[in-house]
Amino acid sequence: MTSTRTTSSKQAVGEDGHNLVRVVMHEQGSTLEEAVAWISRLNDELVEVFLEEYERVPTQWGSPTLDAHVAEYILGIAYWLRGNEAWSYEGERYFGKEGLEVKRTGLSDHAQHWGISAAN
C-alpha cells in the first residue's frame, strides 16, 4: 500500500497532506502505528475480497475470443496489484536500498533516519 510506504519520507519533506496514513490519523484520532495497522487490515480485507471475486468471474462470455480477453484483463489487474507491491520494495523510492529487508522483516528505520517520531 503506497501511502503507508511513503509516510516517513513525505512527512520529512512536508508532502503528507494527501497521504492516506495522515488522513486516517486525522479522521480516527489515531497514532501513526494505529493508522498503519488499520490500513494494513483494510488492505488485507480488500485483497481477500478481490481473490474471492476473481474466482467468481464468469469464464464464458459468448465467444472463445471474448472469454480469452476477459480472462487476460482480469489477470492483468491481479498482476498490476502484485507488481505495484513488488516495485515498492524492490525499487529505491520508498526504502532506498533496504527495501527487500523491510519486506522480509516488516521493519524500517526510515522514520528514525528522517528524524520522525511515531507521534508526528
Protein backbone atom coordinates (compact mmCIF):
# COMPACT_ATOMS: atom_id res chain seq x y z
CA MET A 1 0.00 0.00 0.00
CA THR A 2 1.70 3.10 -1.22
CA SER A 3 0.51 5.54 1.42
CA THR A 4 1.89 3.53 4.29
CA ARG A 5 5.21 3.21 2.50
CA THR A 6 5.57 6.91 1.79
CA THR A 7 4.61 8.33 5.16
CA SER A 8 8.09 8.76 6.55
CA SER A 9 9.67 10.43 3.55
CA LYS A 10 6.66 12.63 2.88
CA GLN A 11 6.49 13.75 6.50
CA ALA A 12 10.16 14.62 6.29
CA VAL A 13 9.64 16.95 3.35
CA GLY A 14 6.18 18.18 4.29
CA GLU A 15 4.33 16.49 1.42
CA ASP A 16 1.94 14.49 3.56
CA GLY A 17 -1.28 16.49 3.06
CA HIS A 18 -2.92 13.87 0.86
CA ASN A 19 -1.39 10.78 2.37
CA LEU A 20 -3.79 8.01 3.40
CA VAL A 21 -1.98 7.44 6.69
CA ARG A 22 -2.33 11.10 7.63
CA VAL A 23 -6.00 11.14 6.63
CA VAL A 24 -6.72 8.07 8.79
CA MET A 25 -4.76 9.55 11.69
CA HIS A 26 -6.81 12.74 11.46
CA GLU A 27 -10.20 11.10 10.93
CA GLN A 28 -9.76 8.44 13.62
CA GLY A 29 -7.62 10.42 16.02
CA SER A 30 -5.10 7.60 15.88
CA THR A 31 -1.35 7.34 16.19
CA LEU A 32 0.88 6.56 13.24
CA GLU A 33 1.11 2.91 14.28
CA GLU A 34 -2.66 2.60 14.75
CA ALA A 35 -3.34 4.19 11.36
CA VAL A 36 -0.86 1.92 9.59
CA ALA A 37 -2.33 -1.14 11.33
CA TRP A 38 -5.88 -0.10 10.34
CA ILE A 39 -4.85 0.47 6.72
CA SER A 40 -3.00 -2.85 6.69
CA ARG A 41 -6.10 -4.67 7.93
CA LEU A 42 -8.24 -2.90 5.33
CA ASN A 43 -5.74 -3.81 2.62
CA ASP A 44 -5.79 -7.47 3.72
CA GLU A 45 -9.59 -7.49 3.65
CA LEU A 46 -9.68 -5.94 0.18
CA VAL A 47 -7.14 -8.43 -1.14
CA GLU A 48 -9.28 -11.26 0.21
CA VAL A 49 -12.39 -9.81 -1.43
CA PHE A 50 -10.51 -9.40 -4.72
CA LEU A 51 -9.35 -13.01 -4.64
CA GLU A 52 -12.85 -14.26 -3.81
CA GLU A 53 -14.39 -12.20 -6.62
CA TYR A 54 -11.60 -13.22 -9.01
CA GLU A 55 -12.71 -16.83 -8.57
CA ARG A 56 -16.33 -15.84 -9.30
CA VAL A 57 -15.70 -14.08 -12.61
CA PRO A 58 -17.65 -15.89 -15.31
CA THR A 59 -15.48 -17.76 -17.80
CA GLN A 60 -17.94 -17.87 -20.66
CA TRP A 61 -18.89 -14.57 -22.30
CA GLY A 62 -20.29 -15.79 -25.58
CA SER A 63 -17.24 -16.47 -27.67
CA PRO A 64 -13.81 -18.00 -27.12
CA THR A 65 -12.14 -14.75 -28.18
CA LEU A 66 -14.13 -12.66 -25.71
CA ASP A 67 -13.59 -15.27 -22.99
CA ALA A 68 -9.83 -15.04 -23.53
CA HIS A 69 -9.86 -11.22 -23.50
CA VAL A 70 -11.84 -11.04 -20.24
CA ALA A 71 -9.57 -13.60 -18.57
CA GLU A 72 -6.47 -11.72 -19.74
CA TYR A 73 -7.88 -8.39 -18.49
CA ILE A 74 -8.76 -9.72 -15.03
CA LEU A 75 -5.37 -11.44 -14.73
CA GLY A 76 -3.75 -8.14 -15.75
CA ILE A 77 -5.44 -6.40 -12.82
CA ALA A 78 -4.06 -9.03 -10.45
CA TYR A 79 -0.57 -8.67 -11.95
CA TRP A 80 -0.77 -4.88 -11.65
CA LEU A 81 -1.65 -5.09 -7.96
CA ARG A 82 1.12 -7.57 -7.22
CA GLY A 83 3.61 -5.71 -9.40
CA ASN A 84 2.95 -2.44 -7.59
CA GLU A 85 3.66 -4.10 -4.26
CA ALA A 86 6.87 -5.71 -5.53
CA TRP A 87 8.07 -2.45 -7.09
CA SER A 88 7.53 -0.54 -3.86
CA TYR A 89 10.06 -2.77 -2.11
CA GLU A 90 12.41 -3.59 -4.97
CA GLY A 91 12.74 -0.02 -6.22
CA GLU A 92 14.55 2.54 -4.10
CA ARG A 93 11.82 5.19 -3.90
CA TYR A 94 10.40 4.26 -0.51
CA PHE A 95 13.12 2.39 1.39
CA GLY A 96 16.29 3.09 -0.52
CA LYS A 97 18.48 0.03 -0.76
CA GLU A 98 16.78 -1.53 2.29
CA GLY A 99 13.50 -2.41 0.55
CA LEU A 100 13.90 -6.16 0.43
CA GLU A 101 14.99 -6.23 4.07
CA VAL A 102 11.95 -4.13 5.03
CA LYS A 103 9.72 -6.51 3.11
CA ARG A 104 11.31 -9.52 4.80
CA THR A 105 11.17 -8.12 8.35
CA GLY A 106 8.34 -5.61 8.15
CA LEU A 107 10.63 -3.15 9.92
CA SER A 108 12.20 0.06 8.71
CA ASP A 109 14.40 2.63 10.34
CA HIS A 110 13.17 5.03 7.66
CA ALA A 111 11.26 7.22 10.13
CA GLN A 112 14.18 7.32 12.51
CA HIS A 113 16.51 8.17 9.61
CA TRP A 114 14.36 11.21 8.80
CA GLY A 115 14.02 12.20 12.45
CA ILE A 116 10.32 11.42 12.60
CA SER A 117 8.65 10.08 15.68
CA ALA A 118 5.58 7.88 15.58
CA ALA A 119 3.61 10.65 17.28
CA ASN A 120 4.08 13.06 14.32
